[in-house]
Protein backbone atom coordinates (compact mmCIF):
# COMPACT_ATOMS: atom_id res chain seq x y z
CA MET A 1 121.67 105.54 107.28
CA ASN A 2 119.77 103.87 104.44
CA SER A 3 118.36 100.83 106.22
CA ARG A 4 115.22 100.82 104.03
CA ILE A 5 117.23 100.49 100.82
CA ILE A 6 118.04 97.18 99.13
CA LEU A 7 120.71 97.32 96.45
CA GLY A 8 119.62 95.44 93.33
CA THR A 9 122.39 93.70 91.41
CA VAL A 10 120.92 92.85 88.00
CA GLN A 11 122.97 95.70 86.47
CA PHE A 12 126.15 94.05 87.75
CA GLY A 13 125.65 90.96 85.62
CA LEU A 14 123.50 92.04 82.66
CA ARG A 15 122.97 95.00 80.36
CA TYR A 16 119.70 96.13 81.93
CA GLY A 17 117.14 98.91 81.45
CA ILE A 18 115.53 100.63 78.48
CA ASN A 19 117.87 103.62 78.85
CA ASN A 20 121.14 101.76 79.56
CA GLN A 21 123.85 103.15 77.25
CA ASN A 22 126.91 101.82 79.06
CA GLY A 23 126.37 98.09 79.57
CA LYS A 24 127.70 96.31 82.66
CA PRO A 25 130.07 98.08 85.08
CA ALA A 26 133.60 96.73 85.55
CA ILE A 27 134.30 94.58 88.62
CA GLU A 28 136.24 97.44 90.24
CA GLN A 29 133.16 99.66 89.93
CA VAL A 30 130.94 96.92 91.34
CA PHE A 31 133.19 96.55 94.39
CA LYS A 32 133.26 100.34 94.91
CA MET A 33 129.45 100.40 94.83
CA LEU A 34 129.21 97.56 97.32
CA GLU A 35 131.72 99.21 99.66
CA LEU A 36 129.87 102.52 99.45
CA ALA A 37 126.49 100.85 100.05
CA SER A 38 127.83 99.13 103.15
CA GLU A 39 129.36 102.36 104.47
CA ARG A 40 126.05 104.19 103.93
CA GLY A 41 123.98 101.66 105.90
CA VAL A 42 122.54 99.50 103.12
CA GLY A 43 122.31 96.02 104.62
CA ILE A 44 120.65 93.83 101.96
CA LEU A 45 121.43 92.87 98.36
CA ASP A 46 118.89 91.53 95.85
CA THR A 47 120.18 89.07 93.26
CA ALA A 48 119.35 85.92 91.26
CA ASP A 49 121.15 83.20 89.34
CA ALA A 50 119.49 84.63 86.21
CA TYR A 51 121.39 87.92 86.59
CA GLY A 52 124.38 86.93 84.46
CA ASN A 53 127.55 86.79 86.55
CA ALA A 54 126.20 89.01 89.34
CA THR A 55 126.18 86.21 91.94
CA GLU A 56 129.80 85.35 91.11
CA LEU A 57 130.84 88.96 91.73
CA LEU A 58 128.93 89.05 95.01
CA GLY A 59 130.60 85.81 96.06
CA GLU A 60 134.03 87.33 95.42
CA PHE A 61 133.10 90.40 97.45
CA ASN A 62 131.68 88.29 100.30
CA ARG A 63 134.84 86.23 100.54
CA LEU A 64 136.76 89.45 101.15
CA ASN A 65 134.05 91.09 103.30
CA PRO A 66 132.19 88.32 105.16
CA GLY A 67 128.90 89.40 106.74
CA ALA A 68 128.81 92.80 105.05
CA PHE A 69 125.34 92.15 103.60
CA LYS A 70 122.29 89.96 103.96
CA ILE A 71 121.33 88.50 100.59
CA ASN A 72 117.95 87.96 98.95
CA THR A 73 117.90 85.65 95.94
CA LYS A 74 115.47 83.67 93.82
CA PHE A 75 114.88 80.12 92.62
CA LYS A 76 113.22 78.63 89.56
CA VAL A 77 111.33 75.37 89.28
CA GLY A 78 113.33 73.04 87.07
CA GLN A 79 115.45 69.93 87.07
CA GLN A 80 117.14 70.76 90.36
CA SER A 81 115.27 70.64 93.66
CA ILE A 82 114.94 73.85 95.66
CA GLU A 83 117.43 72.53 98.20
CA GLU A 84 119.97 71.77 95.45
CA GLN A 85 119.51 75.23 93.94
CA LEU A 86 119.92 76.83 97.35
CA ALA A 87 123.09 74.87 98.05
CA GLY A 88 124.53 76.06 94.73
CA SER A 89 123.54 79.67 95.43
CA LEU A 90 125.06 79.63 98.93
CA LEU A 91 128.31 78.24 97.53
CA GLN A 92 128.46 80.79 94.71
CA LEU A 93 127.57 83.67 97.04
CA SER A 94 129.97 82.56 99.80
CA ALA A 95 127.07 82.78 102.23
CA ASP A 96 125.81 80.59 105.08
CA SER A 97 122.14 81.50 104.67
CA ILE A 98 119.73 83.52 102.54
CA ASN A 99 117.69 86.34 104.04
CA THR A 100 114.66 85.97 101.71
CA TYR A 101 114.32 83.18 99.14
CA PHE A 102 111.93 84.20 96.37
CA PHE A 103 109.93 82.35 93.76
CA HIS A 104 111.43 83.99 90.66
CA SER A 105 108.32 83.18 88.63
CA PHE A 106 104.79 83.86 89.81
CA ASP A 107 103.64 80.96 87.61
CA ASP A 108 105.83 78.62 89.68
CA PHE A 109 104.23 80.01 92.84
CA LEU A 110 100.78 79.54 91.31
CA ASN A 111 101.33 76.06 89.89
CA LYS A 112 103.53 74.56 92.61
CA PRO A 113 102.02 75.64 95.95
CA GLU A 114 103.39 72.46 97.55
CA LEU A 115 106.87 74.00 97.32
CA LEU A 116 105.99 76.26 100.24
CA SER A 117 106.36 73.24 102.54
CA ASP A 118 109.91 72.73 101.16
CA LEU A 119 110.67 76.35 101.93
CA VAL A 120 109.36 75.94 105.48
CA SER A 121 111.77 73.02 105.87
CA LEU A 122 114.66 75.22 104.69
CA LYS A 123 113.62 77.85 107.23
CA GLU A 124 113.61 75.25 110.01
CA LYS A 125 117.16 74.27 109.00
CA GLY A 126 118.26 77.89 109.25
CA LEU A 127 119.23 78.04 105.56
CA ILE A 128 116.70 80.76 104.75
CA LYS A 129 115.02 83.28 107.02
CA LYS A 130 111.99 84.29 104.95
CA THR A 131 109.99 83.14 101.94
CA GLY A 132 109.03 85.58 99.21
CA VAL A 133 107.15 85.91 95.94
CA SER A 134 107.53 88.45 93.16
CA VAL A 135 104.27 89.78 91.66
CA TYR A 136 103.04 92.19 88.99
CA GLY A 137 99.30 92.93 88.98
CA ASN A 138 97.08 93.39 92.01
CA ASP A 139 95.35 90.06 91.38
CA GLU A 140 98.70 88.30 91.89
CA PHE A 141 99.43 90.58 94.82
CA GLU A 142 96.16 89.67 96.56
CA LEU A 143 96.72 85.94 96.09
CA ALA A 144 100.17 86.25 97.67
CA ILE A 145 98.73 88.22 100.58
CA ASN A 146 96.25 85.44 101.31
CA THR A 147 98.74 82.56 101.02
CA GLN A 148 100.01 81.23 104.32
CA GLY A 149 103.78 80.83 104.34
CA VAL A 150 104.55 83.87 102.20
CA ASP A 151 106.50 86.33 104.36
CA VAL A 152 107.62 88.88 101.76
CA ILE A 153 105.99 90.30 98.62
CA GLN A 154 108.03 92.17 96.01
CA PHE A 155 106.13 94.30 93.49
CA PRO A 156 106.58 97.24 91.11
CA PHE A 157 105.93 100.72 92.50
CA ASN A 158 106.81 104.08 90.98
CA LEU A 159 105.50 107.45 89.83
CA LEU A 160 103.06 105.80 87.39
CA ASP A 161 102.49 102.44 89.08
CA ASN A 162 101.68 104.51 92.11
CA ARG A 163 99.37 104.80 95.11
CA PHE A 164 96.38 105.19 92.79
CA GLN A 165 97.15 101.69 91.48
CA ARG A 166 98.50 100.08 94.67
CA GLY A 167 97.27 101.94 97.77
CA ARG A 168 94.40 99.64 98.76
CA ILE A 169 96.38 96.44 98.27
CA MET A 170 99.41 97.75 100.19
CA VAL A 171 97.25 98.56 103.19
CA LEU A 172 95.69 95.09 103.03
CA ALA A 173 99.14 93.46 102.88
CA LYS A 174 100.33 95.27 105.98
CA GLU A 175 97.16 94.28 107.83
CA LYS A 176 98.15 90.67 107.06
CA GLY A 177 101.66 91.24 108.40
CA LYS A 178 103.52 90.96 105.08
CA GLU A 179 106.90 92.55 104.44
CA LEU A 180 106.69 94.73 101.33
CA GLN A 181 109.58 95.36 98.95
CA VAL A 182 109.22 97.52 95.86
CA ARG A 183 111.18 97.34 92.62
CA SER A 184 111.09 99.21 89.29
CA VAL A 185 111.21 102.61 91.02
CA PHE A 186 112.54 104.15 87.77
CA LEU A 187 110.36 101.89 85.59
CA GLN A 188 113.55 100.32 84.22
CA GLY A 189 114.83 103.74 83.15
CA LEU A 190 111.72 104.78 81.21
CA PHE A 191 111.44 108.04 83.19
CA PHE A 192 114.80 109.16 81.81
CA LYS A 193 114.16 108.37 78.15
CA PRO A 194 113.50 111.37 75.87
CA PRO A 195 109.88 111.28 74.61
CA LYS A 196 111.02 111.26 70.96
CA GLU A 197 112.94 108.03 71.63
CA LEU A 198 109.99 106.13 73.08
CA PRO A 199 109.05 102.93 71.24
CA GLU A 200 105.71 103.29 69.46
CA LYS A 201 104.11 100.73 71.75
CA LEU A 202 104.73 103.05 74.71
CA PHE A 203 103.26 106.19 73.09
CA PRO A 204 100.11 105.95 75.29
CA LEU A 205 102.32 106.66 78.31
CA LYS A 206 103.53 110.01 76.92
CA PRO A 207 100.89 112.19 78.64
CA TYR A 208 101.59 110.58 82.01
CA LEU A 209 105.36 110.94 81.57
CA LYS A 210 104.87 114.63 80.72
CA THR A 211 102.85 115.09 83.92
CA VAL A 212 105.70 113.53 85.90
CA SER A 213 108.22 115.78 84.17
CA ASP A 214 106.08 118.86 84.87
CA ILE A 215 105.72 118.00 88.57
CA ALA A 216 109.49 117.55 88.90
CA TYR A 217 110.24 120.80 87.05
CA GLU A 218 107.70 122.89 88.98
CA ASN A 219 109.11 121.64 92.29
CA ASN A 220 112.78 122.02 91.32
CA LEU A 221 113.42 118.28 91.58
CA SER A 222 115.11 115.84 89.24
CA ILE A 223 112.85 113.01 88.11
CA GLU A 224 115.34 110.62 89.72
CA ASN A 225 114.99 112.31 93.12
CA LEU A 226 111.23 112.64 92.76
CA ALA A 227 110.89 108.91 92.04
CA LEU A 228 113.04 107.88 95.00
CA MET A 229 111.51 110.35 97.44
CA TYR A 230 108.01 109.21 96.48
CA SER A 231 108.67 105.50 96.94
CA CYS A 232 110.71 105.96 100.12
CA SER A 233 107.92 108.04 101.68
CA GLN A 234 105.26 105.32 101.59
CA PRO A 235 104.53 104.12 105.16
CA GLU A 236 103.53 100.60 104.08
CA ILE A 237 106.74 99.95 102.14
CA ASP A 238 109.47 98.23 104.16
CA TYR A 239 112.22 98.24 101.52
CA VAL A 240 112.92 100.04 98.24
CA ILE A 241 115.14 98.20 95.76
CA ILE A 242 117.39 100.44 93.67
CA GLY A 243 119.74 99.50 90.86
CA VAL A 244 122.69 101.68 89.89
CA ASP A 245 125.46 101.74 87.28
CA ASN A 246 128.23 103.59 89.13
CA PRO A 247 129.24 104.85 92.61
CA LEU A 248 128.25 108.47 91.96
CA GLN A 249 124.75 107.42 90.96
CA LEU A 250 124.51 105.29 94.09
CA GLN A 251 125.62 108.21 96.26
CA LYS A 252 122.98 110.50 94.73
CA ASN A 253 120.24 107.89 95.08
CA LEU A 254 121.03 107.22 98.72
CA ASN A 255 120.98 110.96 99.43
CA ALA A 256 117.60 111.31 97.68
CA CYS A 257 116.09 108.52 99.75
CA GLN A 258 116.81 110.51 102.91
CA GLN A 259 114.84 113.54 101.72
CA ASN A 260 111.17 114.07 102.50
CA ILE A 261 108.58 114.64 99.82
CA SER A 262 105.98 117.34 100.45
CA GLU A 263 102.37 116.29 100.92
CA GLU A 264 101.34 118.52 98.02
CA VAL A 265 103.72 116.81 95.60
CA ALA A 266 102.70 113.35 96.82
CA VAL A 267 99.04 114.20 96.19
CA LEU A 268 99.84 115.28 92.62
CA ILE A 269 101.58 111.98 91.93
CA ASN A 270 98.78 109.97 93.51
CA GLN A 271 96.37 111.62 91.08
CA ILE A 272 98.22 110.22 88.05
CA ALA A 273 95.86 107.44 86.99
CA VAL A 274 97.35 105.35 84.18
CA GLN A 275 94.58 103.51 82.34
CA GLU A 276 96.87 101.39 80.11
CA THR A 277 98.08 99.38 83.10
CA ASP A 278 99.57 96.60 80.96
CA LEU A 279 102.22 99.10 79.81
CA LEU A 280 103.39 99.58 83.39
CA TYR A 281 105.07 96.15 83.24
CA PRO A 282 108.26 95.97 81.14
CA LYS A 283 107.59 92.31 80.41
CA ASN A 284 104.82 93.61 78.05
CA TRP A 285 107.02 96.07 76.17
CA ASN A 286 108.34 93.67 73.53
């Protein structure tokens, strides 16, 4: 079973990731991945209206397979009210309710705190079960932890944006009863990019990436498995979001998440202390 895994769907609707060579998968591949995820015990999908036609594909699948997955999605502050956006998302997704409804933008969360009362109203109506916010840095993380009404916090976590960067704040979040979901486990594919193909802006990350590669090699692990095993081993993390391009990749990732990482390897990763923390966030790569 892979009950701690959430299947991300951005790849279904957009060409996504620094190392993506193949573009979007065909609808037949998407459906195969969804069927496999369901068979392997994955119970939640992560999506958003901003993910191209991903929500349309999920809606088609849900019409054929009602109740196969719980769905997490996101809203943006704009011309439509939250309730109007939610109604549109439910219709497009062929769903009766949303598991976790996220602020897609932290700025919206920061600048429109009154929207939390609207989300509470949607919870009372049974249209959403939980309220979430997506964060980057630990300053944003801490603010979300201390905001009443936020049930779920989604944040980046991986071999570089690791326990050295996040350990204290994760412990604090669990003490406050927050559900923690992590994304960017593969740093949007950066771990798989040959060093000679790195953009110049990311050159400062080369020594850290070499350390990761050395740890994987010395322990007879692929970087993909190392990344998944590390994230899935963290006791504070409730869910790990993975994104895949094809069924075989999904199968391998789900298998990796069921393997245990040794304490010695985990300690080596925890000692990787990236100083150029702004480069850990793909939004700063352009």
